[in-house]
C-alpha atoms as a PDB file:
ATOM      1  CA  MET A   1     -20.351 -33.040  -1.618  1.00  0.00           C
ATOM      2  CA  SER A   2     -22.263 -29.912  -0.628  1.00  0.00           C
ATOM      3  CA  PRO A   3     -20.903 -26.400  -1.293  1.00  0.00           C
ATOM      4  CA  ASP A   4     -20.322 -25.968   2.455  1.00  0.00           C
ATOM      5  CA  THR A   5     -17.964 -28.931   2.537  1.00  0.00           C
ATOM      6  CA  GLU A   6     -16.043 -28.218  -0.660  1.00  0.00           C
ATOM      7  CA  GLU A   7     -12.324 -28.092  -0.260  1.00  0.00           C
ATOM      8  CA  PRO A   8     -10.941 -24.526  -0.168  1.00  0.00           C
ATOM      9  CA  GLY A   9      -8.874 -25.199  -3.280  1.00  0.00           C
ATOM     10  CA  LEU A  10     -11.981 -25.958  -5.313  1.00  0.00           C
ATOM     11  CA  ARG A  11     -13.868 -22.938  -3.968  1.00  0.00           C
ATOM     12  CA  GLU A  12     -10.905 -20.738  -4.824  1.00  0.00           C
ATOM     13  CA  ARG A  13     -10.744 -22.104  -8.374  1.00  0.00           C
ATOM     14  CA  LYS A  14     -14.455 -21.406  -8.812  1.00  0.00           C
ATOM     15  CA  ARG A  15     -14.002 -17.883  -7.449  1.00  0.00           C
ATOM     16  CA  LEU A  16     -11.138 -17.173  -9.844  1.00  0.00           C
ATOM     17  CA  ALA A  17     -13.069 -18.657 -12.771  1.00  0.00           C
ATOM     18  CA  THR A  18     -16.060 -16.403 -12.058  1.00  0.00           C
ATOM     19  CA  ARG A  19     -13.803 -13.373 -11.652  1.00  0.00           C
ATOM     20  CA  ARG A  20     -12.171 -14.167 -14.982  1.00  0.00           C
ATOM     21  CA  ALA A  21     -15.538 -14.688 -16.692  1.00  0.00           C
ATOM     22  CA  ILE A  22     -16.681 -11.249 -15.545  1.00  0.00           C
ATOM     23  CA  GLN A  23     -13.529  -9.562 -16.830  1.00  0.00           C
ATOM     24  CA  HIS A  24     -13.691 -11.446 -20.121  1.00  0.00           C
ATOM     25  CA  ALA A  25     -17.325 -10.418 -20.539  1.00  0.00           C
ATOM     26  CA  VAL A  26     -16.864  -6.700 -19.847  1.00  0.00           C
ATOM     27  CA  LEU A  27     -13.791  -6.440 -22.070  1.00  0.00           C
ATOM     28  CA  SER A  28     -15.268  -8.465 -24.946  1.00  0.00           C
ATOM     29  CA  LEU A  29     -18.529  -6.501 -24.854  1.00  0.00           C
ATOM     30  CA  SER A  30     -16.613  -3.220 -24.735  1.00  0.00           C
ATOM     31  CA  LEU A  31     -14.760  -4.181 -27.902  1.00  0.00           C
ATOM     32  CA  GLN A  32     -17.982  -5.216 -29.614  1.00  0.00           C
ATOM     33  CA  THR A  33     -20.335  -2.382 -28.695  1.00  0.00           C
ATOM     34  CA  GLY A  34     -18.241   0.312 -27.023  1.00  0.00           C
ATOM     35  CA  LEU A  35     -17.354   0.651 -23.380  1.00  0.00           C
ATOM     36  CA  GLU A  36     -19.942   3.321 -22.571  1.00  0.00           C
ATOM     37  CA  LYS A  37     -22.821   1.147 -23.815  1.00  0.00           C
ATOM     38  CA  VAL A  38     -22.020  -1.876 -21.664  1.00  0.00           C
ATOM     39  CA  THR A  39     -24.086  -2.284 -18.487  1.00  0.00           C
ATOM     40  CA  VAL A  40     -23.665  -4.478 -15.444  1.00  0.00           C
ATOM     41  CA  GLU A  41     -26.723  -6.427 -16.618  1.00  0.00           C
ATOM     42  CA  ASP A  42     -25.042  -7.077 -19.987  1.00  0.00           C
ATOM     43  CA  ILE A  43     -21.862  -8.240 -18.269  1.00  0.00           C
ATOM     44  CA  SER A  44     -23.748 -10.500 -15.879  1.00  0.00           C
ATOM     45  CA  ARG A  45     -25.718 -12.075 -18.703  1.00  0.00           C
ATOM     46  CA  ALA A  46     -22.561 -12.763 -20.740  1.00  0.00           C
ATOM     47  CA  ALA A  47     -20.783 -14.216 -17.698  1.00  0.00           C
ATOM     48  CA  SER A  48     -23.811 -16.373 -16.784  1.00  0.00           C
ATOM     49  CA  ILE A  49     -24.189 -14.820 -13.346  1.00  0.00           C
ATOM     50  CA  SER A  50     -26.645 -12.507 -11.625  1.00  0.00           C
ATOM     51  CA  PRO A  51     -25.998  -8.771 -11.153  1.00  0.00           C
ATOM     52  CA  ARG A  52     -25.912  -9.490  -7.424  1.00  0.00           C
ATOM     53  CA  THR A  53     -23.086 -11.955  -7.958  1.00  0.00           C
ATOM     54  CA  PHE A  54     -21.273  -9.388 -10.100  1.00  0.00           C
ATOM     55  CA  PHE A  55     -21.192  -6.976  -7.163  1.00  0.00           C
ATOM     56  CA  ASN A  56     -19.796  -9.709  -4.932  1.00  0.00           C
ATOM     57  CA  TYR A  57     -16.691  -9.601  -7.137  1.00  0.00           C
ATOM     58  CA  PHE A  58     -16.430  -5.998  -8.314  1.00  0.00           C
ATOM     59  CA  PRO A  59     -17.901  -2.784  -6.890  1.00  0.00           C
ATOM     60  CA  SER A  60     -18.450  -1.261 -10.348  1.00  0.00           C
ATOM     61  CA  LYS A  61     -18.063  -1.726 -14.082  1.00  0.00           C
ATOM     62  CA  ASP A  62     -14.871   0.345 -13.950  1.00  0.00           C
ATOM     63  CA  ALA A  63     -13.372  -2.007 -11.370  1.00  0.00           C
ATOM     64  CA  ALA A  64     -14.125  -5.003 -13.593  1.00  0.00           C
ATOM     65  CA  LEU A  65     -12.542  -3.212 -16.554  1.00  0.00           C
ATOM     66  CA  LEU A  66      -9.378  -2.520 -14.562  1.00  0.00           C
ATOM     67  CA  GLY A  67      -9.219  -6.016 -13.100  1.00  0.00           C
ATOM     68  CA  ASP A  68      -6.482  -6.870 -10.650  1.00  0.00           C
ATOM     69  CA  THR A  69      -4.329  -3.784 -10.442  1.00  0.00           C
ATOM     70  CA  PRO A  70      -0.591  -4.171  -9.811  1.00  0.00           C
ATOM     71  CA  ASP A  71       0.127  -5.013  -6.216  1.00  0.00           C
ATOM     72  CA  LEU A  72       3.381  -5.002  -4.310  1.00  0.00           C
ATOM     73  CA  ALA A  73       4.986  -8.050  -2.784  1.00  0.00           C
ATOM     74  CA  SER A  74       4.339  -9.254   0.749  1.00  0.00           C
ATOM     75  CA  ALA A  75       5.483  -7.225   3.748  1.00  0.00           C
ATOM     76  CA  GLU A  76       8.139  -9.846   4.429  1.00  0.00           C
ATOM     77  CA  ALA A  77       9.558  -9.580   0.907  1.00  0.00           C
ATOM     78  CA  ILE A  78       9.561  -5.793   1.110  1.00  0.00           C
ATOM     79  CA  GLU A  79      11.473  -5.807   4.409  1.00  0.00           C
ATOM     80  CA  ALA A  80      13.964  -8.336   3.006  1.00  0.00           C
ATOM     81  CA  PHE A  81      14.645  -5.958   0.115  1.00  0.00           C
ATOM     82  CA  VAL A  82      14.912  -2.859   2.318  1.00  0.00           C
ATOM     83  CA  HIS A  83      17.461  -4.579   4.560  1.00  0.00           C
ATOM     84  CA  GLY A  84      19.360  -6.321   1.768  1.00  0.00           C
ATOM     85  CA  GLY A  85      22.563  -4.498   2.713  1.00  0.00           C
ATOM     86  CA  PRO A  86      24.825  -2.048   0.848  1.00  0.00           C
ATOM     87  CA  ASP A  87      26.884  -4.901  -0.588  1.00  0.00           C
ATOM     88  CA  GLY A  88      23.857  -6.773  -1.918  1.00  0.00           C
ATOM     89  CA  ASP A  89      22.922  -7.096  -5.574  1.00  0.00           C
ATOM     90  CA  ILE A  90      20.218  -4.457  -5.494  1.00  0.00           C
ATOM     91  CA  LEU A  91      19.218  -4.934  -9.133  1.00  0.00           C
ATOM     92  CA  GLY A  92      18.798  -8.668  -8.645  1.00  0.00           C
ATOM     93  CA  GLN A  93      16.983  -8.092  -5.367  1.00  0.00           C
ATOM     94  CA  VAL A  94      14.477  -5.649  -6.856  1.00  0.00           C
ATOM     95  CA  ALA A  95      13.885  -8.175  -9.650  1.00  0.00           C
ATOM     96  CA  VAL A  96      12.937 -10.749  -6.989  1.00  0.00           C
ATOM     97  CA  LEU A  97      10.673  -8.191  -5.301  1.00  0.00           C
ATOM     98  CA  LEU A  98       8.908  -7.359  -8.567  1.00  0.00           C
ATOM     99  CA  ALA A  99       8.598 -11.036  -9.497  1.00  0.00           C
ATOM    100  CA  GLU A 100       6.610 -11.635  -6.323  1.00  0.00           C
ATOM    101  CA  SER A 101       4.574  -8.510  -7.047  1.00  0.00           C
ATOM    102  CA  LEU A 102       3.665  -9.833 -10.498  1.00  0.00           C
ATOM    103  CA  GLU A 103       2.633 -13.173  -9.018  1.00  0.00           C
ATOM    104  CA  ARG A 104       0.032 -11.227  -7.037  1.00  0.00           C
ATOM    105  CA  SER A 105      -1.208  -9.429 -10.157  1.00  0.00           C
ATOM    106  CA  GLU A 106      -2.735 -10.316 -13.494  1.00  0.00           C
ATOM    107  CA  THR A 107      -1.133 -13.341 -15.181  1.00  0.00           C
ATOM    108  CA  ASP A 108      -3.858 -14.196 -17.715  1.00  0.00           C
ATOM    109  CA  ARG A 109      -2.468 -13.419 -21.161  1.00  0.00           C
ATOM    110  CA  GLU A 110      -5.840 -13.365 -22.944  1.00  0.00           C
ATOM    111  CA  ILE A 111      -7.413 -10.985 -20.420  1.00  0.00           C
ATOM    112  CA  HIS A 112      -4.369  -8.745 -20.573  1.00  0.00           C
ATOM    113  CA  GLN A 113      -4.504  -8.653 -24.388  1.00  0.00           C
ATOM    114  CA  LEU A 114      -8.227  -7.839 -24.340  1.00  0.00           C
ATOM    115  CA  ARG A 115      -7.639  -5.018 -21.861  1.00  0.00           C
ATOM    116  CA  GLN A 116      -4.850  -3.596 -24.029  1.00  0.00           C
ATOM    117  CA  ALA A 117      -7.166  -3.682 -27.053  1.00  0.00           C
ATOM    118  CA  VAL A 118      -9.904  -1.817 -25.173  1.00  0.00           C
ATOM    119  CA  MET A 119      -7.417   0.770 -23.894  1.00  0.00           C
ATOM    120  CA  LYS A 120      -6.342   1.561 -27.469  1.00  0.00           C
ATOM    121  CA  ASP A 121      -9.862   2.842 -28.150  1.00  0.00           C
ATOM    122  CA  SER A 122     -10.661   4.240 -24.712  1.00  0.00           C
ATOM    123  CA  THR A 123      -8.780   7.170 -23.248  1.00  0.00           C
ATOM    124  CA  TYR A 124     -11.009   6.767 -20.175  1.00  0.00           C
ATOM    125  CA  LEU A 125      -9.825   3.230 -19.391  1.00  0.00           C
ATOM    126  CA  PHE A 126      -6.258   4.166 -20.315  1.00  0.00           C
ATOM    127  CA  GLY A 127      -6.399   6.998 -17.795  1.00  0.00           C
ATOM    128  CA  LEU A 128      -7.744   4.721 -15.059  1.00  0.00           C
ATOM    129  CA  ARG A 129      -5.052   2.135 -15.734  1.00  0.00           C
ATOM    130  CA  MET A 130      -2.276   4.720 -15.768  1.00  0.00           C
ATOM    131  CA  ALA A 131      -3.477   6.050 -12.414  1.00  0.00           C
ATOM    132  CA  THR A 132      -3.098   2.612 -10.843  1.00  0.00           C
ATOM    133  CA  LEU A 133       0.374   2.238 -12.353  1.00  0.00           C
ATOM    134  CA  ARG A 134       1.414   5.622 -11.015  1.00  0.00           C
ATOM    135  CA  ASP A 135       0.272   4.545  -7.573  1.00  0.00           C
ATOM    136  CA  PHE A 136       2.351   1.367  -7.903  1.00  0.00           C
ATOM    137  CA  GLU A 137       5.385   3.407  -8.985  1.00  0.00           C
ATOM    138  CA  ALA A 138       4.970   5.761  -6.020  1.00  0.00           C
ATOM    139  CA  ARG A 139       4.851   2.864  -3.570  1.00  0.00           C
ATOM    140  CA  LEU A 140       7.887   1.246  -5.182  1.00  0.00           C
ATOM    141  CA  LEU A 141       9.770   4.553  -4.971  1.00  0.00           C
ATOM    142  CA  ASP A 142       9.031   4.695  -1.245  1.00  0.00           C
ATOM    143  CA  ILE A 143      10.452   1.177  -0.803  1.00  0.00           C
ATOM    144  CA  VAL A 144      13.555   1.941  -2.867  1.00  0.00           C
ATOM    145  CA  THR A 145      14.108   5.151  -0.897  1.00  0.00           C
ATOM    146  CA  ARG A 146      13.943   3.188   2.332  1.00  0.00           C
ATOM    147  CA  ARG A 147      16.549   0.771   0.945  1.00  0.00           C
ATOM    148  CA  PHE A 148      18.919   3.556  -0.073  1.00  0.00           C
ATOM    149  CA  GLU A 149      18.509   5.229   3.312  1.00  0.00           C
ATOM    150  CA  ALA A 150      19.193   1.928   5.080  1.00  0.00           C
ATOM    151  CA  ASP A 151      22.322   1.422   2.948  1.00  0.00           C
ATOM    152  CA  HIS A 152      23.526   5.026   3.399  1.00  0.00           C
ATOM    153  CA  PRO A 153      21.931   6.520   6.539  1.00  0.00           C
ATOM    154  CA  GLU A 154      24.267   9.505   6.404  1.00  0.00           C
ATOM    155  CA  ARG A 155      22.580  10.579   3.135  1.00  0.00           C
ATOM    156  CA  ALA A 156      19.000  10.052   4.299  1.00  0.00           C
ATOM    157  CA  GLY A 157      16.755  12.959   3.357  1.00  0.00           C
ATOM    158  CA  THR A 158      19.213  14.514   0.910  1.00  0.00           C
ATOM    159  CA  PRO A 159      18.169  15.584  -2.614  1.00  0.00           C
ATOM    160  CA  GLY A 160      20.919  13.431  -4.095  1.00  0.00           C
ATOM    161  CA  LEU A 161      19.605  10.241  -2.498  1.00  0.00           C
ATOM    162  CA  ALA A 162      16.036  11.120  -3.474  1.00  0.00           C
ATOM    163  CA  GLN A 163      17.020  11.538  -7.128  1.00  0.00           C
ATOM    164  CA  ARG A 164      19.052   8.327  -7.112  1.00  0.00           C
ATOM    165  CA  ALA A 165      16.096   6.414  -5.668  1.00  0.00           C
ATOM    166  CA  LEU A 166      13.773   7.948  -8.275  1.00  0.00           C
ATOM    167  CA  LEU A 167      16.070   6.969 -11.134  1.00  0.00           C
ATOM    168  CA  PHE A 168      16.491   3.424  -9.858  1.00  0.00           C
ATOM    169  CA  SER A 169      12.770   2.878  -9.305  1.00  0.00           C
ATOM    170  CA  LEU A 170      11.909   4.208 -12.778  1.00  0.00           C
ATOM    171  CA  VAL A 171      14.471   1.876 -14.361  1.00  0.00           C
ATOM    172  CA  ALA A 172      13.025  -1.063 -12.404  1.00  0.00           C
ATOM    173  CA  VAL A 173       9.471  -0.168 -13.487  1.00  0.00           C
ATOM    174  CA  ALA A 174      10.635   0.144 -17.104  1.00  0.00           C
ATOM    175  CA  ALA A 175      12.082  -3.388 -16.935  1.00  0.00           C
ATOM    176  CA  MET A 176       8.808  -4.653 -15.461  1.00  0.00           C
ATOM    177  CA  ARG A 177       6.740  -2.954 -18.176  1.00  0.00           C
ATOM    178  CA  HIS A 178       9.036  -4.398 -20.824  1.00  0.00           C
ATOM    179  CA  ALA A 179       8.511  -7.868 -19.334  1.00  0.00           C
ATOM    180  CA  TRP A 180       4.749  -7.392 -19.270  1.00  0.00           C
ATOM    181  CA  ARG A 181       4.645  -6.279 -22.898  1.00  0.00           C
ATOM    182  CA  ARG A 182       6.975  -9.063 -24.004  1.00  0.00           C
ATOM    183  CA  TRP A 183       4.870 -11.664 -22.204  1.00  0.00           C
ATOM    184  CA  ALA A 184       1.587 -10.303 -23.590  1.00  0.00           C
ATOM    185  CA  GLU A 185       2.827 -10.290 -27.199  1.00  0.00           C
ATOM    186  CA  GLU A 186       4.296 -13.800 -27.122  1.00  0.00           C
ATOM    187  CA  ASP A 187       2.231 -16.874 -27.956  1.00  0.00           C
ATOM    188  CA  SER A 188       4.518 -19.239 -26.093  1.00  0.00           C
ATOM    189  CA  ALA A 189       3.936 -20.732 -22.658  1.00  0.00           C
ATOM    190  CA  THR A 190       6.545 -18.400 -21.162  1.00  0.00           C
ATOM    191  CA  SER A 191       5.411 -17.261 -17.735  1.00  0.00           C
ATOM    192  CA  LEU A 192       5.290 -13.626 -16.700  1.00  0.00           C
ATOM    193  CA  SER A 193       7.975 -14.250 -14.060  1.00  0.00           C
ATOM    194  CA  ASP A 194      10.260 -15.814 -16.696  1.00  0.00           C
ATOM    195  CA  SER A 195       9.674 -12.807 -18.932  1.00  0.00           C
ATOM    196  CA  LEU A 196      10.631 -10.513 -16.054  1.00  0.00           C
ATOM    197  CA  ALA A 197      13.835 -12.484 -15.463  1.00  0.00           C
ATOM    198  CA  ALA A 198      14.698 -12.130 -19.163  1.00  0.00           C
ATOM    199  CA  SER A 199      14.089  -8.369 -19.088  1.00  0.00           C
ATOM    200  CA  PHE A 200      16.323  -7.880 -16.068  1.00  0.00           C
ATOM    201  CA  SER A 201      18.957 -10.077 -17.709  1.00  0.00           C
ATOM    202  CA  GLU A 202      18.940  -7.696 -20.673  1.00  0.00           C
ATOM    203  CA  LEU A 203      19.214  -4.776 -18.256  1.00  0.00           C
ATOM    204  CA  TYR A 204      22.264  -6.423 -16.690  1.00  0.00           C
ATOM    205  CA  ASN A 205      23.801  -6.719 -20.144  1.00  0.00           C
ATOM    206  CA  PHE A 206      23.285  -3.003 -20.757  1.00  0.00           C
ATOM    207  CA  THR A 207      24.913  -1.994 -17.492  1.00  0.00           C
ATOM    208  CA  ARG A 208      27.742  -4.541 -17.398  1.00  0.00           C
ATOM    209  CA  PRO A 209      31.144  -3.065 -18.330  1.00  0.00           C
ATOM    210  CA  THR A 210      32.545  -4.359 -21.621  1.00  0.00           C
ATOM    211  CA  GLY A 211      36.022  -4.504 -23.084  1.00  0.00           C
END
């Protein structure tokens, strides 16, 4: 079968494998020799590709270092959350929204662990990664604000609603970061989505009245 007639599923698997090989190469080389010494040529050689192929996947070395930055769920999932209703389980609904978001992001434990190791020694990469997370948090805050305004239109635009939305979104992000860290540090076959469900379950336990 020629490359032009390959099934899309196979082409996609090859694309993902090459993308992973590039990320593995840049992170491994950064740990071995230092991030600033690694070149695109070094990465391409380690990943068994040409520099031209590298740039088909990533626009720069920094982009390969960062990998797949956190992305929000689909537009349909976002609208379902926004219009979930004032009587809906908003904590459970944001957990569903974030679970879909994580499915669209990095789910390779080894790559994640390598990136964490590089970030420990590189304030530059740490800063880049934090910038992408802040962007994710800002977009989530906008979605949560829309939900609160849909639930309580009479309070739309008020400082009180804005602060409530900020608090809720920060709590949701904290649960997501806890899930990510838990998943990365475990050696089991637990999926990232299962880890997120466990983190939100713990959050429920904290907030559930006792006695």
